């Protein structure tokens, strides 16, 4: 019987360390075209179930792209999750070889699902959405400085920068619009998300770019990915306070603003929020519960949109039932 093979690849600027389980084989190659080609040849011979690498500041993008184009099953995972796993198996030391082994063990134990590589347009949208948030944060900082500035010259300088940031944000929005219009599926997905009152164009685009798993995983998994799944803090007979932790902070902050809008107008979220407040729940607890309910509903709305034309809920149905 053929053994299932799992691979972990630790990526650094100059080299790639790969560990293969259960064989225990370790390979190091240069992080260049020739090195990646030789690694692809080695991995093809092993026929792995999944190859795991961490999302580490961009170094993984080229490697993942080339391995994916070669038909190898790639899963890029959260570094924090891997470090927690390493602590759990007692691997506290950190070297490239150890990290590759830990990633292989993670692949073997957790078995993350390999995901298809994003298209060039999808990668562009994701980068533009990220850049837009950076510019919005810069603009907020400049506006705060403007409130504190007393010198007319400083005020004019800040206003010039704010105007430039406004123009750049506007240009990025136009570029994202053009890219979304090019893809019928992206356009349809954005329109469907926006039928949910409280979800505007920015929220929809952040969810599409930063949470590609939306509509493809369970309600529990999508809550965990965003960092909205309450974690137990129990020990023996003691029942600890449930808390949320981890997840994608940028998605969570965007969803927070959407929830604030939804509690004033959405016919599902508004009464849900009011019931929680009337039950004595603090605002923070109530709004977090609303965020979790929203992401679960949005996940269900997109549950069958992996293929064009297979929406589980039409826009009219969603609009009638949720708005």
Protein backbone atom coordinates (compact mmCIF):
# COMPACT_ATOMS: atom_id res chain seq x y z
CA UNK A 1 0.00 0.00 0.00
CA UNK A 2 1.35 3.42 -1.00
CA UNK A 3 2.34 5.57 1.98
CA UNK A 4 0.86 9.05 2.20
CA UNK A 5 3.63 11.64 1.86
CA UNK A 6 3.67 15.09 3.49
CA UNK A 7 6.17 17.88 2.87
CA UNK A 8 7.15 21.01 4.77
CA UNK A 9 9.19 23.78 3.13
CA UNK A 10 10.91 26.48 5.14
CA UNK A 11 11.56 29.52 2.94
CA UNK A 12 14.24 32.12 3.44
CA UNK A 13 15.68 34.76 1.12
CA UNK A 14 18.59 32.58 -0.01
CA UNK A 15 17.52 28.95 0.42
CA UNK A 16 14.65 26.48 0.68
CA UNK A 17 14.66 23.65 3.23
CA UNK A 18 12.26 20.79 2.49
CA UNK A 19 11.43 17.89 4.80
CA UNK A 20 9.55 14.82 3.58
CA UNK A 21 7.55 12.55 5.91
CA UNK A 22 7.33 9.69 6.70
CA UNK A 23 10.59 9.09 4.84
CA UNK A 24 12.43 11.69 6.94
CA UNK A 25 14.31 13.01 3.93
CA UNK A 26 15.69 16.56 4.15
CA UNK A 27 16.73 18.64 1.13
CA UNK A 28 18.22 22.14 0.88
CA UNK A 29 18.32 24.08 -2.39
CA UNK A 30 19.02 27.67 -3.35
CA UNK A 31 16.03 29.98 -3.55
CA UNK A 32 16.46 30.69 -7.25
CA UNK A 33 15.02 29.36 -10.50
CA UNK A 34 17.46 26.45 -10.73
CA UNK A 35 16.97 25.50 -7.08
CA UNK A 36 13.18 25.59 -7.34
CA UNK A 37 13.28 23.50 -10.53
CA UNK A 38 15.39 20.84 -8.81
CA UNK A 39 13.04 20.83 -5.82
CA UNK A 40 10.04 20.38 -8.12
CA UNK A 41 11.72 17.35 -9.68
CA UNK A 42 12.36 15.83 -6.23
CA UNK A 43 8.81 16.48 -5.01
CA UNK A 44 7.18 15.08 -8.14
CA UNK A 45 8.96 11.81 -7.43
CA UNK A 46 7.51 11.75 -3.89
CA UNK A 47 3.87 12.48 -4.97
CA UNK A 48 2.95 14.31 -1.72
CA UNK A 49 -0.60 14.66 -0.41
CA UNK A 50 0.09 18.27 0.55
CA UNK A 51 3.10 20.61 0.72
CA UNK A 52 2.94 23.18 3.51
CA UNK A 53 4.77 26.49 3.70
CA UNK A 54 4.25 29.56 5.86
CA UNK A 55 3.08 32.98 4.71
CA UNK A 56 6.30 34.82 5.53
CA UNK A 57 6.38 38.33 4.15
CA UNK A 58 6.25 37.52 0.44
CA UNK A 59 9.16 35.10 0.00
CA UNK A 60 6.66 32.27 -0.33
CA UNK A 61 4.76 33.79 -3.28
CA UNK A 62 7.21 32.88 -6.07
CA UNK A 63 7.90 29.43 -4.63
CA UNK A 64 4.20 28.64 -4.18
CA UNK A 65 3.41 29.90 -7.68
CA UNK A 66 6.08 27.78 -9.36
CA UNK A 67 5.24 24.62 -7.39
CA UNK A 68 1.54 25.18 -8.01
CA UNK A 69 2.07 25.65 -11.75
CA UNK A 70 4.02 22.38 -11.70
CA UNK A 71 0.88 20.65 -10.44
CA UNK A 72 2.01 20.14 -6.85
CA UNK A 73 -0.56 20.47 -3.99
CA UNK A 74 0.32 23.66 -2.07
CA UNK A 75 -1.10 24.99 1.20
CA UNK A 76 0.20 28.32 2.53
CA UNK A 77 -0.61 28.49 6.26
CA UNK A 78 -0.63 30.99 9.10
CA UNK A 79 2.79 31.21 10.85
CA UNK A 80 1.18 31.70 14.27
CA UNK A 81 -0.71 28.44 13.95
CA UNK A 82 2.49 26.63 13.03
CA UNK A 83 4.42 28.11 15.99
CA UNK A 84 1.65 26.99 18.37
CA UNK A 85 1.83 23.53 16.82
CA UNK A 86 5.64 23.50 17.25
CA UNK A 87 5.28 24.30 20.95
CA UNK A 88 2.69 21.54 21.25
CA UNK A 89 5.11 18.92 19.93
CA UNK A 90 8.01 20.29 22.00
CA UNK A 91 10.00 21.85 19.16
CA UNK A 92 11.08 25.09 20.82
CA UNK A 93 14.39 25.49 18.98
CA UNK A 94 14.26 27.27 15.66
CA UNK A 95 16.50 26.54 12.67
CA UNK A 96 15.65 26.22 8.99
CA UNK A 97 15.90 22.42 9.17
CA UNK A 98 13.75 22.22 12.32
CA UNK A 99 11.17 24.57 10.83
CA UNK A 100 10.91 22.41 7.71
CA UNK A 101 10.39 19.33 9.88
CA UNK A 102 7.71 21.12 11.94
CA UNK A 103 5.90 22.16 8.77
CA UNK A 104 5.97 18.56 7.53
CA UNK A 105 4.59 17.34 10.86
CA UNK A 106 1.93 20.06 10.66
CA UNK A 107 1.00 18.86 7.17
CA UNK A 108 0.84 15.24 8.36
CA UNK A 109 -1.24 16.01 11.47
CA UNK A 110 -3.52 18.87 10.41
CA UNK A 111 -3.75 17.96 6.71
CA UNK A 112 -4.64 21.44 5.40
CA UNK A 113 -6.50 21.39 2.12
CA UNK A 114 -4.38 22.45 -0.88
CA UNK A 115 -5.86 25.50 -2.54
CA UNK A 116 -5.66 26.63 -6.17
CA UNK A 117 -3.38 29.57 -6.86
CA UNK A 118 -5.11 32.93 -7.30
CA UNK A 119 -5.26 34.37 -10.79
CA UNK A 120 -3.20 37.45 -11.66
CA UNK A 121 -6.32 39.63 -11.38
CA UNK A 122 -7.15 38.17 -7.96
CA UNK A 123 -3.59 38.85 -6.74
CA UNK A 124 -3.83 42.41 -8.03
CA UNK A 125 -7.15 42.99 -6.26
CA UNK A 126 -5.76 41.62 -3.01
CA UNK A 127 -2.67 43.85 -3.21
CA UNK A 128 -4.76 46.91 -4.11
CA UNK A 129 -7.16 46.30 -1.22
CA UNK A 130 -4.19 45.99 1.13
CA UNK A 131 -2.64 49.17 -0.27
CA UNK A 132 -5.94 51.03 0.09
CA UNK A 133 -6.09 50.19 3.80
CA UNK A 134 -2.51 51.43 4.23
CA UNK A 135 -3.42 54.72 2.58
CA UNK A 136 -6.60 55.07 4.66
CA UNK A 137 -4.55 54.53 7.83
CA UNK A 138 -2.02 57.14 6.66
CA UNK A 139 -4.85 59.60 5.96
CA UNK A 140 -6.31 59.05 9.42
CA UNK A 141 -2.90 59.76 10.97
CA UNK A 142 -2.55 62.96 8.94
CA UNK A 143 -6.05 64.09 9.96
CA UNK A 144 -5.14 63.55 13.61
CA UNK A 145 -2.00 65.65 13.10
CA UNK A 146 -4.07 68.37 11.43
CA UNK A 147 -6.24 68.68 14.54
CA UNK A 148 -3.13 69.22 16.66
CA UNK A 149 -1.24 71.53 14.29
CA UNK A 150 -1.10 75.22 15.17
CA UNK A 151 1.22 76.53 12.45
CA UNK A 152 -0.52 77.60 9.24
CA UNK A 153 2.42 76.29 7.23
CA UNK A 154 2.19 72.87 8.88
CA UNK A 155 -1.58 72.81 8.36
CA UNK A 156 -1.15 73.52 4.64
CA UNK A 157 1.47 70.78 4.40
CA UNK A 158 -0.82 68.25 6.06
CA UNK A 159 -3.77 69.28 3.89
CA UNK A 160 -1.63 68.79 0.77
CA UNK A 161 -0.73 65.26 1.88
CA UNK A 162 -4.37 64.45 2.73
CA UNK A 163 -5.48 65.65 -0.72
CA UNK A 164 -2.82 63.47 -2.37
CA UNK A 165 -3.93 60.46 -0.31
CA UNK A 166 -7.60 61.12 -1.22
CA UNK A 167 -6.67 61.13 -4.91
CA UNK A 168 -4.61 57.93 -4.64
CA UNK A 169 -7.40 56.14 -2.75
CA UNK A 170 -9.87 57.24 -5.42
CA UNK A 171 -7.57 55.95 -8.18
CA UNK A 172 -7.15 52.58 -6.42
CA UNK A 173 -10.92 52.26 -6.06
CA UNK A 174 -11.27 52.80 -9.83
CA UNK A 175 -8.60 50.18 -10.53
CA UNK A 176 -10.37 47.65 -8.29
CA UNK A 177 -13.70 48.46 -9.99
CA UNK A 178 -12.14 47.77 -13.39
CA UNK A 179 -10.66 44.44 -12.25
CA UNK A 180 -13.94 43.29 -10.66
CA UNK A 181 -15.91 44.22 -13.78
CA UNK A 182 -13.53 42.01 -15.83
CA UNK A 183 -14.53 38.93 -13.78
CA UNK A 184 -18.22 37.91 -13.89
CA UNK A 185 -17.78 35.70 -10.81
CA UNK A 186 -16.10 38.44 -8.74
CA UNK A 187 -18.73 40.95 -9.88
CA UNK A 188 -21.57 38.57 -9.02
CA UNK A 189 -20.01 37.75 -5.63
CA UNK A 190 -19.62 41.42 -4.73
CA UNK A 191 -23.21 42.15 -5.72
CA UNK A 192 -24.47 39.20 -3.70
CA UNK A 193 -22.54 40.23 -0.57
CA UNK A 194 -23.88 43.77 -0.86
CA UNK A 195 -27.48 42.56 -0.74
CA UNK A 196 -26.86 42.06 2.99
CA UNK A 197 -27.62 45.43 4.62
CA UNK A 198 -24.54 46.72 6.39
CA UNK A 199 -22.13 45.32 3.78
CA UNK A 200 -20.94 48.09 1.48
CA UNK A 201 -18.47 47.95 -1.41
CA UNK A 202 -15.37 48.26 0.78
CA UNK A 203 -16.49 45.51 3.17
CA UNK A 204 -17.38 43.24 0.25
CA UNK A 205 -13.99 43.75 -1.39
CA UNK A 206 -12.06 43.20 1.83
CA UNK A 207 -13.96 39.94 2.41
CA UNK A 208 -13.34 38.79 -1.17
CA UNK A 209 -9.64 39.69 -1.12
CA UNK A 210 -8.69 38.84 2.45
CA UNK A 211 -11.06 35.92 3.15
CA UNK A 212 -11.09 33.76 0.00
CA UNK A 213 -12.30 30.82 2.11
CA UNK A 214 -15.70 32.55 2.46
CA UNK A 215 -18.34 30.19 1.09
CA UNK A 216 -15.97 27.22 0.98
CA UNK A 217 -15.68 26.17 4.64
CA UNK A 218 -18.00 25.41 7.56
CA UNK A 219 -19.57 28.06 9.80
CA UNK A 220 -17.19 27.11 12.62
CA UNK A 221 -14.11 27.33 10.40
CA UNK A 222 -15.06 30.73 8.93
CA UNK A 223 -15.61 32.09 12.45
CA UNK A 224 -12.22 30.78 13.52
CA UNK A 225 -10.45 32.23 10.49
CA UNK A 226 -11.79 35.71 11.27
CA UNK A 227 -11.04 35.28 14.98
CA UNK A 228 -14.68 35.32 16.09
CA UNK A 229 -14.97 31.78 17.43
CA UNK A 230 -15.23 31.91 21.26
CA UNK A 231 -12.54 29.76 22.85
CA UNK A 232 -13.19 27.71 25.98
CA UNK A 233 -11.16 28.52 29.11
CA UNK A 234 -12.27 25.58 31.26
CA UNK A 235 -10.28 23.60 33.80
CA UNK A 236 -11.86 20.78 35.80
CA UNK A 237 -15.18 22.01 37.15
CA UNK A 238 -14.26 25.63 36.62
CA UNK A 239 -15.95 27.26 33.63
CA UNK A 240 -13.80 30.11 32.38
CA UNK A 241 -14.89 33.12 30.38
CA UNK A 242 -15.18 32.49 26.63
CA UNK A 243 -12.97 34.80 24.58
CA UNK A 244 -12.13 35.35 20.94
CA UNK A 245 -8.51 35.25 19.86
CA UNK A 246 -6.30 35.29 16.76
CA UNK A 247 -7.74 35.36 13.27
CA UNK A 248 -7.43 38.01 10.57
CA UNK A 249 -7.46 41.38 12.26
CA UNK A 250 -7.97 43.39 9.06
CA UNK A 251 -11.07 41.36 8.17
CA UNK A 252 -12.36 41.62 11.73
CA UNK A 253 -11.96 45.42 11.87
CA UNK A 254 -13.80 45.80 8.56
CA UNK A 255 -16.56 43.47 9.73
CA UNK A 256 -16.87 45.51 12.94
CA UNK A 257 -17.79 48.64 10.96
CA UNK A 258 -20.26 46.61 8.90
CA UNK A 259 -21.87 45.26 12.08
CA UNK A 260 -22.21 48.79 13.51
CA UNK A 261 -24.16 49.70 10.36
CA UNK A 262 -26.16 46.46 10.40
CA UNK A 263 -27.46 46.87 13.99
CA UNK A 264 -29.32 50.01 12.86
CA UNK A 265 -30.93 48.71 9.66
CA UNK A 266 -30.62 44.97 9.01
CA UNK A 267 -33.83 43.08 9.87
CA UNK A 268 -31.86 40.05 11.10
CA UNK A 269 -28.95 41.70 12.92
CA UNK A 270 -30.86 44.63 14.47
CA UNK A 271 -33.32 42.54 16.55
CA UNK A 272 -30.58 40.06 17.40
CA UNK A 273 -28.45 42.91 18.78
CA UNK A 274 -31.40 44.40 20.67
CA UNK A 275 -32.14 41.04 22.34
CA UNK A 276 -28.56 40.77 23.53
CA UNK A 277 -28.53 44.32 24.93
CA UNK A 278 -31.88 43.77 26.67
CA UNK A 279 -30.43 40.59 28.19
CA UNK A 280 -27.73 42.73 29.81
CA UNK A 281 -24.84 41.92 27.46
CA UNK A 282 -22.14 44.63 27.19
CA UNK A 283 -21.85 46.39 23.83
CA UNK A 284 -18.54 44.65 23.04
CA UNK A 285 -20.04 41.20 23.61
CA UNK A 286 -23.18 42.03 21.64
CA UNK A 287 -21.38 43.53 18.64
CA UNK A 288 -18.95 40.58 18.52
CA UNK A 289 -21.91 38.18 18.47
CA UNK A 290 -23.42 40.23 15.63
CA UNK A 291 -20.14 40.07 13.69
CA UNK A 292 -20.05 36.31 14.14
CA UNK A 293 -23.66 35.97 12.99
CA UNK A 294 -22.97 38.15 9.96
CA UNK A 295 -19.94 36.18 8.79
CA UNK A 296 -21.82 32.88 9.23
CA UNK A 297 -24.73 34.20 7.13
CA UNK A 298 -22.41 35.61 4.46
CA UNK A 299 -20.57 32.28 4.36
CA UNK A 300 -23.89 30.47 3.81
CA UNK A 301 -24.85 32.93 1.08
CA UNK A 302 -21.69 32.11 -0.87
CA UNK A 303 -21.62 28.43 0.03
CA UNK A 304 -22.17 27.24 -3.53
CA UNK A 305 -20.49 30.01 -5.52
CA UNK A 306 -17.28 28.10 -6.23
CA UNK A 307 -18.55 27.68 -9.80
CA UNK A 308 -20.26 30.39 -11.85
CA UNK A 309 -24.04 30.09 -11.97
CA UNK A 310 -24.34 27.83 -8.90
CA UNK A 311 -25.41 30.33 -6.24
CA UNK A 312 -27.27 28.66 -3.42
CA UNK A 313 -29.28 31.86 -2.89
CA UNK A 314 -30.21 34.29 -5.60
CA UNK A 315 -29.83 38.02 -5.00
CA UNK A 316 -33.61 38.45 -4.91
CA UNK A 317 -33.99 35.72 -2.32
CA UNK A 318 -31.26 37.14 -0.11
CA UNK A 319 -32.56 40.69 -0.44
CA UNK A 320 -36.07 39.59 0.51
CA UNK A 321 -34.98 37.43 3.43
CA UNK A 322 -32.22 39.51 4.97
CA UNK A 323 -32.85 43.18 4.17
